Amino acid sequence: LLVAVAAGAEKNKETAKSVDSGAFGIFINGRRMATETFSISQTGSGSVITSQFKTEAGVDKAEQNSELQLSPTGELKKYEWKELTPGQAQATVTPSDTFLVERALKTPQDKPEEQPFLLPSSTSILDDYFFVHREVLAWKYLASACRQQNGQMQCPVGQKAQFGTLNPHARASMLVSLEIAGQEKQKVGA
C-alpha cells in the first residue's frame, strides 16, 4: 500500500518550469545595503514566485521571505510573508468568496488578526521589500496591453491600464496605473 501511494504521488507531481530568477540589489552611496533573491516557476496549475530579502553585513540584520501563488490566469491563490529576523511576524492573504482575507501574527504567540479586503482575487500583491512583485505586475500589464503582430510584440505607447493592488504590510489597497512611455535602446555588454 505504501508503494502504491508513493507511486501515485509521484504521478500527480507537476514539473515546474523556471521562468525567471535573479537578484535585486539595494545600494546607498555605492554600498550594497540589502539583496532580494527571487525565482519564478510555472506549472499547469499556475505560478509560484518566491523571494528572500536580506540586509548585508554591517547593517541592522533583517531577513524576510515571501511566496506568491497565482492561478494560470494570474488570480491570487495564496500569498505568504514571514519575517525571520529581527522579529518573527508573518502574514497570509487568501481569497475567500468574493474578497481577500489577510491573517497576520506579530509574534508566533499572538492570536492571528484577521482583516478582510473587499478586493477580487485578480488583485496584485505589491508588498514592501519585494521588487519581484513589481516585475509580476509589469508582466500583467504587458499581457493585457501588448499584442503579437507579424511575429513581434507590439505595445502601444501611452496606453494606460489600471490594476488593483494590495500591500499586506501596510494593510492598504490602491489603484495603480501603468503605461509604456516609449522605447529606449541600450548597448549590453562590453
N, C-alpha and C. Protein backbone atom coordinates (compact mmCIF):
# COMPACT_ATOMS: atom_id res chain seq x y z
N LEU A 1 0.83 -1.19 0.00
CA LEU A 1 0.00 0.00 0.00
C LEU A 1 0.87 1.25 0.00
N LEU A 2 1.95 1.28 0.80
CA LEU A 2 2.84 2.43 0.87
C LEU A 2 3.47 2.70 -0.49
N VAL A 3 3.86 1.64 -1.19
CA VAL A 3 4.48 1.79 -2.51
C VAL A 3 3.46 2.36 -3.50
N ALA A 4 2.22 1.90 -3.44
CA ALA A 4 1.18 2.39 -4.35
C ALA A 4 0.88 3.87 -4.10
N VAL A 5 0.84 4.29 -2.85
CA VAL A 5 0.58 5.69 -2.51
C VAL A 5 1.74 6.56 -3.00
N ALA A 6 2.97 6.12 -2.77
CA ALA A 6 4.14 6.88 -3.20
C ALA A 6 4.16 6.99 -4.72
N ALA A 7 3.85 5.91 -5.41
CA ALA A 7 3.84 5.95 -6.87
C ALA A 7 2.75 6.89 -7.38
N GLY A 8 1.59 6.90 -6.73
CA GLY A 8 0.50 7.81 -7.11
C GLY A 8 0.89 9.26 -6.88
N ALA A 9 1.57 9.54 -5.79
CA ALA A 9 2.00 10.91 -5.51
C ALA A 9 3.01 11.38 -6.56
N GLU A 10 3.94 10.51 -6.96
CA GLU A 10 4.91 10.88 -7.98
C GLU A 10 4.23 11.15 -9.31
N LYS A 11 3.21 10.39 -9.64
CA LYS A 11 2.49 10.54 -10.90
C LYS A 11 1.77 11.89 -10.95
N ASN A 12 1.25 12.37 -9.81
CA ASN A 12 0.48 13.60 -9.77
C ASN A 12 1.35 14.86 -9.66
N LYS A 13 2.63 14.71 -9.42
CA LYS A 13 3.52 15.88 -9.32
C LYS A 13 3.67 16.53 -10.68
N GLU A 14 3.59 17.84 -10.70
CA GLU A 14 3.80 18.59 -11.93
C GLU A 14 5.25 19.07 -11.97
N THR A 15 5.80 19.09 -13.15
CA THR A 15 7.15 19.60 -13.29
C THR A 15 7.09 21.11 -13.41
N ALA A 16 7.81 21.79 -12.56
CA ALA A 16 7.85 23.25 -12.58
C ALA A 16 8.88 23.72 -13.58
N LYS A 17 8.51 24.69 -14.40
CA LYS A 17 9.41 25.28 -15.38
C LYS A 17 9.86 26.64 -14.84
N SER A 18 11.16 26.84 -14.77
CA SER A 18 11.69 28.12 -14.30
C SER A 18 11.43 29.18 -15.37
N VAL A 19 10.82 30.29 -14.95
CA VAL A 19 10.51 31.39 -15.85
C VAL A 19 11.53 32.51 -15.70
N ASP A 20 11.92 32.79 -14.46
CA ASP A 20 12.89 33.85 -14.19
C ASP A 20 13.47 33.64 -12.80
N SER A 21 14.67 34.10 -12.61
CA SER A 21 15.28 34.10 -11.28
C SER A 21 16.41 35.11 -11.30
N GLY A 22 16.76 35.57 -10.14
CA GLY A 22 17.83 36.55 -10.08
C GLY A 22 17.88 37.25 -8.75
N ALA A 23 18.46 38.45 -8.75
CA ALA A 23 18.60 39.22 -7.51
C ALA A 23 18.50 40.71 -7.83
N PHE A 24 17.92 41.42 -6.90
CA PHE A 24 17.87 42.88 -6.95
C PHE A 24 18.75 43.38 -5.81
N GLY A 25 19.62 44.32 -6.09
CA GLY A 25 20.47 44.89 -5.05
C GLY A 25 19.98 46.27 -4.67
N ILE A 26 20.09 46.60 -3.39
CA ILE A 26 19.74 47.92 -2.89
C ILE A 26 21.03 48.58 -2.44
N PHE A 27 21.36 49.72 -3.06
CA PHE A 27 22.62 50.40 -2.82
C PHE A 27 22.38 51.81 -2.31
N ILE A 28 23.19 52.23 -1.37
CA ILE A 28 23.20 53.61 -0.89
C ILE A 28 24.64 54.08 -0.95
N ASN A 29 24.87 55.17 -1.70
CA ASN A 29 26.21 55.71 -1.90
C ASN A 29 27.19 54.65 -2.39
N GLY A 30 26.74 53.79 -3.30
CA GLY A 30 27.60 52.77 -3.88
C GLY A 30 27.82 51.53 -3.02
N ARG A 31 27.26 51.50 -1.83
CA ARG A 31 27.43 50.35 -0.93
C ARG A 31 26.15 49.52 -0.91
N ARG A 32 26.31 48.21 -1.11
CA ARG A 32 25.15 47.31 -1.07
C ARG A 32 24.63 47.24 0.36
N MET A 33 23.34 47.54 0.51
CA MET A 33 22.70 47.52 1.83
C MET A 33 21.83 46.28 2.02
N ALA A 34 21.23 45.81 0.92
CA ALA A 34 20.35 44.65 1.01
C ALA A 34 20.24 43.99 -0.36
N THR A 35 19.80 42.73 -0.34
CA THR A 35 19.62 41.97 -1.57
C THR A 35 18.32 41.20 -1.50
N GLU A 36 17.59 41.23 -2.60
CA GLU A 36 16.41 40.36 -2.74
C GLU A 36 16.74 39.33 -3.81
N THR A 37 16.69 38.05 -3.46
CA THR A 37 16.85 36.99 -4.44
C THR A 37 15.47 36.40 -4.69
N PHE A 38 15.20 36.04 -5.94
CA PHE A 38 13.86 35.57 -6.27
C PHE A 38 13.91 34.47 -7.32
N SER A 39 12.81 33.74 -7.42
CA SER A 39 12.62 32.78 -8.50
C SER A 39 11.14 32.74 -8.85
N ILE A 40 10.88 32.54 -10.13
CA ILE A 40 9.51 32.43 -10.63
C ILE A 40 9.44 31.14 -11.41
N SER A 41 8.53 30.26 -11.00
CA SER A 41 8.35 28.99 -11.71
C SER A 41 6.88 28.84 -12.09
N GLN A 42 6.66 27.99 -13.10
CA GLN A 42 5.31 27.84 -13.64
C GLN A 42 5.01 26.37 -13.88
N THR A 43 3.78 25.98 -13.58
CA THR A 43 3.27 24.65 -13.89
C THR A 43 1.91 24.84 -14.56
N GLY A 44 1.27 23.77 -14.88
CA GLY A 44 -0.08 23.84 -15.46
C GLY A 44 -1.10 24.41 -14.48
N SER A 45 -0.82 24.32 -13.18
CA SER A 45 -1.77 24.81 -12.18
C SER A 45 -1.46 26.24 -11.73
N GLY A 46 -0.46 26.89 -12.35
CA GLY A 46 -0.18 28.29 -12.01
C GLY A 46 1.29 28.59 -11.84
N SER A 47 1.55 29.72 -11.21
CA SER A 47 2.90 30.21 -11.00
C SER A 47 3.20 30.36 -9.51
N VAL A 48 4.47 30.18 -9.16
CA VAL A 48 4.92 30.39 -7.79
C VAL A 48 6.11 31.34 -7.84
N ILE A 49 5.99 32.44 -7.09
CA ILE A 49 7.04 33.44 -7.03
C ILE A 49 7.57 33.44 -5.61
N THR A 50 8.83 33.05 -5.43
CA THR A 50 9.43 33.05 -4.10
C THR A 50 10.50 34.12 -4.06
N SER A 51 10.67 34.69 -2.87
CA SER A 51 11.63 35.77 -2.71
C SER A 51 12.19 35.77 -1.31
N GLN A 52 13.45 36.18 -1.21
CA GLN A 52 14.10 36.32 0.10
C GLN A 52 14.82 37.66 0.12
N PHE A 53 14.53 38.46 1.15
CA PHE A 53 15.14 39.77 1.34
C PHE A 53 16.07 39.68 2.54
N LYS A 54 17.35 40.10 2.35
CA LYS A 54 18.33 40.08 3.44
C LYS A 54 19.14 41.35 3.40
N THR A 55 19.40 41.91 4.58
CA THR A 55 20.33 43.03 4.66
C THR A 55 21.75 42.48 4.66
N GLU A 56 22.70 43.31 4.29
CA GLU A 56 24.09 42.91 4.19
C GLU A 56 24.80 43.06 5.53
N ALA A 57 25.99 42.49 5.64
CA ALA A 57 26.81 42.60 6.86
C ALA A 57 27.06 44.07 7.18
N GLY A 58 27.03 44.39 8.45
CA GLY A 58 27.27 45.76 8.88
C GLY A 58 26.02 46.61 8.94
N VAL A 59 24.90 46.06 8.51
CA VAL A 59 23.61 46.75 8.55
C VAL A 59 22.75 46.01 9.56
N ASP A 60 21.83 46.73 10.24
CA ASP A 60 20.93 46.05 11.16
C ASP A 60 20.33 44.84 10.45
N LYS A 61 20.47 43.68 11.06
CA LYS A 61 20.09 42.42 10.42
C LYS A 61 18.57 42.33 10.23
N ALA A 62 18.18 42.02 9.01
CA ALA A 62 16.78 41.80 8.68
C ALA A 62 16.72 40.73 7.60
N GLU A 63 15.76 39.84 7.74
CA GLU A 63 15.56 38.78 6.75
C GLU A 63 14.08 38.48 6.66
N GLN A 64 13.57 38.43 5.43
CA GLN A 64 12.16 38.15 5.18
C GLN A 64 12.03 37.25 3.97
N ASN A 65 11.02 36.40 3.97
CA ASN A 65 10.71 35.53 2.84
C ASN A 65 9.27 35.76 2.42
N SER A 66 9.02 35.53 1.13
CA SER A 66 7.64 35.58 0.65
C SER A 66 7.42 34.51 -0.41
N GLU A 67 6.18 34.07 -0.51
CA GLU A 67 5.78 33.15 -1.58
C GLU A 67 4.42 33.59 -2.08
N LEU A 68 4.34 33.85 -3.37
CA LEU A 68 3.12 34.28 -4.03
C LEU A 68 2.69 33.19 -5.00
N GLN A 69 1.49 32.66 -4.81
CA GLN A 69 0.96 31.61 -5.68
C GLN A 69 -0.17 32.19 -6.51
N LEU A 70 -0.06 32.03 -7.84
CA LEU A 70 -1.06 32.56 -8.76
C LEU A 70 -1.64 31.43 -9.61
N SER A 71 -2.90 31.58 -10.00
CA SER A 71 -3.53 30.61 -10.89
C SER A 71 -2.99 30.81 -12.31
N PRO A 72 -3.30 29.91 -13.24
CA PRO A 72 -2.83 30.09 -14.63
C PRO A 72 -3.31 31.41 -15.26
N THR A 73 -4.41 31.96 -14.76
CA THR A 73 -4.94 33.23 -15.30
C THR A 73 -4.45 34.44 -14.51
N GLY A 74 -3.54 34.24 -13.55
CA GLY A 74 -2.97 35.35 -12.79
C GLY A 74 -3.76 35.73 -11.54
N GLU A 75 -4.76 34.95 -11.20
CA GLU A 75 -5.55 35.20 -9.99
C GLU A 75 -4.76 34.76 -8.76
N LEU A 76 -4.94 35.47 -7.66
CA LEU A 76 -4.26 35.13 -6.40
C LEU A 76 -4.82 33.83 -5.83
N LYS A 77 -3.93 32.89 -5.56
CA LYS A 77 -4.31 31.66 -4.86
C LYS A 77 -3.93 31.78 -3.38
N LYS A 78 -2.69 32.32 -3.13
CA LYS A 78 -2.22 32.47 -1.76
C LYS A 78 -0.95 33.32 -1.75
N TYR A 79 -0.82 34.13 -0.72
CA TYR A 79 0.40 34.90 -0.50
C TYR A 79 0.83 34.71 0.95
N GLU A 80 2.10 34.35 1.14
CA GLU A 80 2.65 34.19 2.49
C GLU A 80 3.90 35.04 2.65
N TRP A 81 4.02 35.71 3.78
CA TRP A 81 5.19 36.51 4.12
C TRP A 81 5.63 36.12 5.52
N LYS A 82 6.94 35.98 5.71
CA LYS A 82 7.49 35.67 7.03
C LYS A 82 8.71 36.53 7.30
N GLU A 83 8.74 37.11 8.48
CA GLU A 83 9.92 37.83 8.94
C GLU A 83 10.71 36.86 9.81
N LEU A 84 11.96 36.63 9.44
CA LEU A 84 12.81 35.70 10.18
C LEU A 84 13.66 36.42 11.21
N THR A 85 14.14 37.63 10.87
CA THR A 85 14.85 38.49 11.82
C THR A 85 14.56 39.93 11.45
N PRO A 86 14.49 40.86 12.33
CA PRO A 86 14.74 40.74 13.76
C PRO A 86 13.55 40.14 14.52
N GLY A 87 12.35 40.17 13.97
CA GLY A 87 11.17 39.61 14.65
C GLY A 87 10.77 38.28 14.05
N GLN A 88 9.55 37.88 14.32
CA GLN A 88 9.03 36.62 13.77
C GLN A 88 7.60 36.80 13.30
N ALA A 89 7.29 37.97 12.75
CA ALA A 89 5.94 38.25 12.26
C ALA A 89 5.68 37.45 10.99
N GLN A 90 4.41 37.26 10.68
CA GLN A 90 4.03 36.59 9.45
C GLN A 90 2.63 37.01 9.04
N ALA A 91 2.35 36.87 7.76
CA ALA A 91 1.03 37.21 7.23
C ALA A 91 0.71 36.30 6.06
N THR A 92 -0.58 36.03 5.89
CA THR A 92 -1.07 35.22 4.78
C THR A 92 -2.29 35.92 4.20
N VAL A 93 -2.36 35.99 2.86
CA VAL A 93 -3.52 36.54 2.18
C VAL A 93 -4.07 35.46 1.29
N THR A 94 -5.39 35.19 1.42
CA THR A 94 -6.05 34.18 0.61
C THR A 94 -7.40 34.71 0.13
N PRO A 95 -7.87 34.22 -1.02
CA PRO A 95 -9.22 34.59 -1.46
C PRO A 95 -10.27 33.86 -0.61
N SER A 96 -11.38 34.52 -0.37
CA SER A 96 -12.50 33.93 0.35
C SER A 96 -13.77 34.46 -0.29
N ASP A 97 -14.46 33.64 -1.01
CA ASP A 97 -15.65 34.04 -1.77
C ASP A 97 -15.31 35.17 -2.73
N THR A 98 -15.82 36.38 -2.48
CA THR A 98 -15.60 37.50 -3.40
C THR A 98 -14.64 38.55 -2.85
N PHE A 99 -13.86 38.20 -1.83
CA PHE A 99 -12.92 39.16 -1.26
C PHE A 99 -11.66 38.46 -0.81
N LEU A 100 -10.68 39.24 -0.35
CA LEU A 100 -9.42 38.70 0.15
C LEU A 100 -9.39 38.83 1.67
N VAL A 101 -8.72 37.88 2.33
CA VAL A 101 -8.58 37.92 3.78
C VAL A 101 -7.10 37.82 4.13
N GLU A 102 -6.65 38.74 4.98
CA GLU A 102 -5.28 38.70 5.49
C GLU A 102 -5.32 38.23 6.94
N ARG A 103 -4.47 37.27 7.24
CA ARG A 103 -4.30 36.80 8.62
C ARG A 103 -2.86 37.10 9.01
N ALA A 104 -2.69 37.88 10.09
CA ALA A 104 -1.35 38.34 10.46
C ALA A 104 -1.05 38.02 11.92
N LEU A 105 0.21 37.70 12.18
CA LEU A 105 0.73 37.47 13.53
C LEU A 105 1.95 38.37 13.73
N LYS A 106 1.97 39.11 14.82
CA LYS A 106 3.16 39.92 15.11
C LYS A 106 4.25 39.07 15.74
N THR A 107 3.85 38.07 16.53
CA THR A 107 4.77 37.07 17.10
C THR A 107 4.07 35.72 17.02
N PRO A 108 4.82 34.61 17.05
CA PRO A 108 4.17 33.29 16.98
C PRO A 108 3.20 33.03 18.13
N GLN A 109 3.35 33.72 19.26
CA GLN A 109 2.47 33.50 20.41
C GLN A 109 1.15 34.27 20.29
N ASP A 110 1.09 35.25 19.39
CA ASP A 110 -0.11 36.07 19.25
C ASP A 110 -1.25 35.29 18.63
N LYS A 111 -2.46 35.80 18.88
CA LYS A 111 -3.64 35.29 18.21
C LYS A 111 -3.68 35.98 16.84
N PRO A 112 -3.98 35.25 15.76
CA PRO A 112 -4.00 35.86 14.43
C PRO A 112 -5.03 37.00 14.34
N GLU A 113 -4.60 38.10 13.72
CA GLU A 113 -5.51 39.20 13.41
C GLU A 113 -6.03 38.97 12.00
N GLU A 114 -7.33 39.09 11.82
CA GLU A 114 -7.92 38.85 10.51
C GLU A 114 -8.46 40.15 9.95
N GLN A 115 -8.10 40.45 8.71
CA GLN A 115 -8.54 41.69 8.05
C GLN A 115 -9.10 41.34 6.68
N PRO A 116 -10.40 41.56 6.47
CA PRO A 116 -10.96 41.34 5.13
C PRO A 116 -10.73 42.57 4.25
N PHE A 117 -10.56 42.34 2.95
CA PHE A 117 -10.44 43.40 1.97
C PHE A 117 -11.47 43.12 0.88
N LEU A 118 -12.28 44.08 0.55
CA LEU A 118 -13.29 43.91 -0.49
C LEU A 118 -12.61 44.04 -1.86
N LEU A 119 -11.74 43.10 -2.14
CA LEU A 119 -10.96 43.07 -3.37
C LEU A 119 -11.10 41.70 -4.02
N PRO A 120 -11.12 41.64 -5.35
CA PRO A 120 -11.21 40.34 -6.03
C PRO A 120 -9.86 39.63 -6.04
N SER A 121 -9.88 38.35 -6.41
CA SER A 121 -8.64 37.58 -6.46
C SER A 121 -7.74 38.01 -7.62
N SER A 122 -8.21 38.88 -8.49
CA SER A 122 -7.37 39.42 -9.57
C SER A 122 -6.44 40.53 -9.06
N THR A 123 -6.59 40.91 -7.79
CA THR A 123 -5.76 41.96 -7.17
C THR A 123 -4.30 41.52 -7.15
N SER A 124 -3.40 42.44 -7.49
CA SER A 124 -1.96 42.16 -7.47
C SER A 124 -1.39 42.48 -6.09
N ILE A 125 -0.50 41.63 -5.62
CA ILE A 125 0.22 41.89 -4.36
C ILE A 125 1.42 42.76 -4.67
N LEU A 126 1.57 43.86 -3.93
CA LEU A 126 2.74 44.75 -4.03
C LEU A 126 3.24 44.97 -2.61
N ASP A 127 3.88 43.98 -2.04
CA ASP A 127 4.31 44.05 -0.65
C ASP A 127 5.61 44.85 -0.53
N ASP A 128 5.83 45.42 0.64
CA ASP A 128 7.07 46.12 0.93
C ASP A 128 8.23 45.14 0.81
N TYR A 129 9.38 45.62 0.41
CA TYR A 129 10.65 44.89 0.36
C TYR A 129 10.80 43.94 -0.82
N PHE A 130 9.75 43.66 -1.58
CA PHE A 130 9.86 42.66 -2.63
C PHE A 130 9.65 43.28 -4.01
N PHE A 131 10.75 43.56 -4.71
CA PHE A 131 10.70 44.16 -6.03
C PHE A 131 10.11 43.22 -7.07
N VAL A 132 10.24 41.92 -6.85
CA VAL A 132 9.74 40.95 -7.83
C VAL A 132 8.23 41.09 -8.01
N HIS A 133 7.52 41.58 -7.00
CA HIS A 133 6.08 41.80 -7.14
C HIS A 133 5.80 42.87 -8.20
N ARG A 134 6.69 43.86 -8.31
CA ARG A 134 6.55 44.89 -9.34
C ARG A 134 6.81 44.29 -10.73
N GLU A 135 7.75 43.35 -10.80
CA GLU A 135 8.01 42.65 -12.06
C GLU A 135 6.77 41.89 -12.51
N VAL A 136 6.14 41.18 -11.59
CA VAL A 136 4.94 40.40 -11.92
C VAL A 136 3.83 41.34 -12.40
N LEU A 137 3.67 42.49 -11.75
CA LEU A 137 2.66 43.46 -12.17
C LEU A 137 2.98 43.99 -13.57
N ALA A 138 4.25 44.25 -13.86
CA ALA A 138 4.64 44.70 -15.20
C ALA A 138 4.30 43.64 -16.25
N TRP A 139 4.51 42.36 -15.91
CA TRP A 139 4.14 41.28 -16.83
C TRP A 139 2.63 41.25 -17.06
N LYS A 140 1.85 41.47 -15.99
CA LYS A 140 0.39 41.52 -16.14
C LYS A 140 0.00 42.63 -17.11
N TYR A 141 0.65 43.77 -16.95
CA TYR A 141 0.36 44.90 -17.86
C TYR A 141 0.69 44.52 -19.30
N LEU A 142 1.89 43.97 -19.52
CA LEU A 142 2.31 43.61 -20.87
C LEU A 142 1.36 42.58 -21.49
N ALA A 143 0.89 41.63 -20.68
CA ALA A 143 -0.04 40.61 -21.18
C ALA A 143 -1.38 41.22 -21.57
N SER A 144 -1.80 42.28 -20.88
CA SER A 144 -3.09 42.89 -21.19
C SER A 144 -3.00 43.96 -22.27
N ALA A 145 -1.87 44.65 -22.40
CA ALA A 145 -1.76 45.79 -23.32
C ALA A 145 -1.09 45.45 -24.65
N CYS A 146 -0.22 44.48 -24.68
CA CYS A 146 0.57 44.19 -25.88
C CYS A 146 -0.04 43.04 -26.69
N ARG A 147 0.19 43.08 -27.98
CA ARG A 147 -0.32 42.05 -28.88
C ARG A 147 0.80 41.56 -29.79
N GLN A 148 0.74 40.28 -30.13
CA GLN A 148 1.69 39.68 -31.08
C GLN A 148 1.21 40.03 -32.48
N GLN A 149 2.10 40.65 -33.30
CA GLN A 149 1.72 41.03 -34.64
C GLN A 149 2.92 40.81 -35.57
N ASN A 150 2.73 40.01 -36.60
CA ASN A 150 3.80 39.69 -37.55
C ASN A 150 5.05 39.15 -36.85
N GLY A 151 4.85 38.31 -35.83
CA GLY A 151 5.96 37.68 -35.13
C GLY A 151 6.67 38.59 -34.14
N GLN A 152 6.16 39.81 -33.94
CA GLN A 152 6.78 40.73 -32.99
C GLN A 152 5.74 41.22 -31.99
N MET A 153 6.22 41.51 -30.79
CA MET A 153 5.35 42.04 -29.75
C MET A 153 5.16 43.53 -29.98
N GLN A 154 3.92 43.96 -30.07
CA GLN A 154 3.57 45.37 -30.28
C GLN A 154 2.91 45.90 -29.01
N CYS A 155 3.52 46.92 -28.42
CA CYS A 155 3.00 47.52 -27.19
C CYS A 155 2.73 49.00 -27.46
N PRO A 156 1.47 49.42 -27.44
CA PRO A 156 1.16 50.81 -27.75
C PRO A 156 1.67 51.78 -26.68
N VAL A 157 2.39 52.80 -27.12
CA VAL A 157 2.92 53.83 -26.22
C VAL A 157 1.75 54.67 -25.72
N GLY A 158 1.74 54.95 -24.42
CA GLY A 158 0.73 55.82 -23.83
C GLY A 158 -0.58 55.15 -23.46
N GLN A 159 -0.73 53.86 -23.73
CA GLN A 159 -1.97 53.16 -23.35
C GLN A 159 -1.92 52.80 -21.87
N LYS A 160 -2.78 53.42 -21.09
CA LYS A 160 -2.80 53.18 -19.65
C LYS A 160 -3.69 51.99 -19.32
N ALA A 161 -3.27 51.28 -18.28
CA ALA A 161 -4.08 50.20 -17.72
C ALA A 161 -4.02 50.36 -16.20
N GLN A 162 -5.14 50.12 -15.55
CA GLN A 162 -5.20 50.23 -14.10
C GLN A 162 -5.34 48.85 -13.48
N PHE A 163 -4.65 48.66 -12.34
CA PHE A 163 -4.66 47.39 -11.62
C PHE A 163 -4.91 47.66 -10.14
N GLY A 164 -5.77 46.87 -9.54
CA GLY A 164 -5.96 46.93 -8.10
C GLY A 164 -4.80 46.22 -7.43
N THR A 165 -4.27 46.80 -6.35
CA THR A 165 -3.14 46.20 -5.65
C THR A 165 -3.40 46.18 -4.15
N LEU A 166 -2.71 45.28 -3.47
CA LEU A 166 -2.78 45.18 -2.01
C LEU A 166 -1.37 45.11 -1.46
N ASN A 167 -1.08 45.96 -0.47
CA ASN A 167 0.18 45.91 0.26
C ASN A 167 -0.15 45.32 1.64
N PRO A 168 0.11 44.02 1.84
CA PRO A 168 -0.24 43.40 3.12
C PRO A 168 0.46 44.01 4.33
N HIS A 169 1.70 44.49 4.18
CA HIS A 169 2.38 45.11 5.32
C HIS A 169 1.66 46.36 5.79
N ALA A 170 1.27 47.18 4.85
CA ALA A 170 0.58 48.43 5.18
C ALA A 170 -0.91 48.21 5.40
N ARG A 171 -1.38 47.00 5.08
CA ARG A 171 -2.81 46.69 5.15
C ARG A 171 -3.61 47.74 4.38
N ALA A 172 -3.13 48.01 3.16
CA ALA A 172 -3.73 49.06 2.34
C ALA A 172 -3.83 48.59 0.89
N SER A 173 -4.89 49.03 0.24
CA SER A 173 -5.07 48.74 -1.18
C SER A 173 -5.05 50.06 -1.94
N MET A 174 -4.70 49.96 -3.21
CA MET A 174 -4.75 51.15 -4.05
C MET A 174 -4.81 50.74 -5.51
N LEU A 175 -5.19 51.69 -6.34
CA LEU A 175 -5.25 51.50 -7.77
C LEU A 175 -3.94 52.02 -8.36
N VAL A 176 -3.30 51.23 -9.21
CA VAL A 176 -2.03 51.60 -9.83
C VAL A 176 -2.25 51.68 -11.34
N SER A 177 -1.74 52.74 -11.95
CA SER A 177 -1.82 52.90 -13.41
C SER A 177 -0.44 52.63 -14.01
N LEU A 178 -0.42 51.88 -15.09
CA LEU A 178 0.83 51.60 -15.82
C LEU A 178 0.64 51.99 -17.28
N GLU A 179 1.72 52.46 -17.89
CA GLU A 179 1.71 52.75 -19.32
C GLU A 179 3.13 52.70 -19.84
N ILE A 180 3.27 52.42 -21.12
CA ILE A 180 4.58 52.44 -21.75
C ILE A 180 4.83 53.87 -22.20
N ALA A 181 5.96 54.42 -21.76
CA ALA A 181 6.29 55.81 -22.08
C ALA A 181 7.05 55.91 -23.40
N GLY A 182 7.67 54.84 -23.84
CA GLY A 182 8.44 54.85 -25.07
C GLY A 182 9.49 53.78 -25.05
N GLN A 183 10.28 53.71 -26.09
CA GLN A 183 11.34 52.71 -26.16
C GLN A 183 12.69 53.38 -26.00
N GLU A 184 13.62 52.63 -25.45
CA GLU A 184 14.98 53.11 -25.28
C GLU A 184 15.91 51.97 -25.65
N LYS A 185 16.89 52.25 -26.46
CA LYS A 185 17.85 51.22 -26.84
C LYS A 185 19.10 51.38 -26.00
N GLN A 186 19.57 50.26 -25.46
CA GLN A 186 20.77 50.23 -24.64
C GLN A 186 21.70 49.17 -25.18
N LYS A 187 22.99 49.49 -25.22
CA LYS A 187 24.00 48.52 -25.61
C LYS A 187 24.33 47.68 -24.37
N VAL A 188 24.25 46.36 -24.53
CA VAL A 188 24.54 45.44 -23.44
C VAL A 188 25.87 44.78 -23.70
N GLY A 189 26.68 44.71 -22.69
CA GLY A 189 27.99 44.06 -22.83
C GLY A 189 29.09 45.08 -23.04
N ALA A 190 30.32 44.57 -23.09
CA ALA A 190 31.48 45.48 -23.22
C ALA A 190 31.90 45.65 -24.65
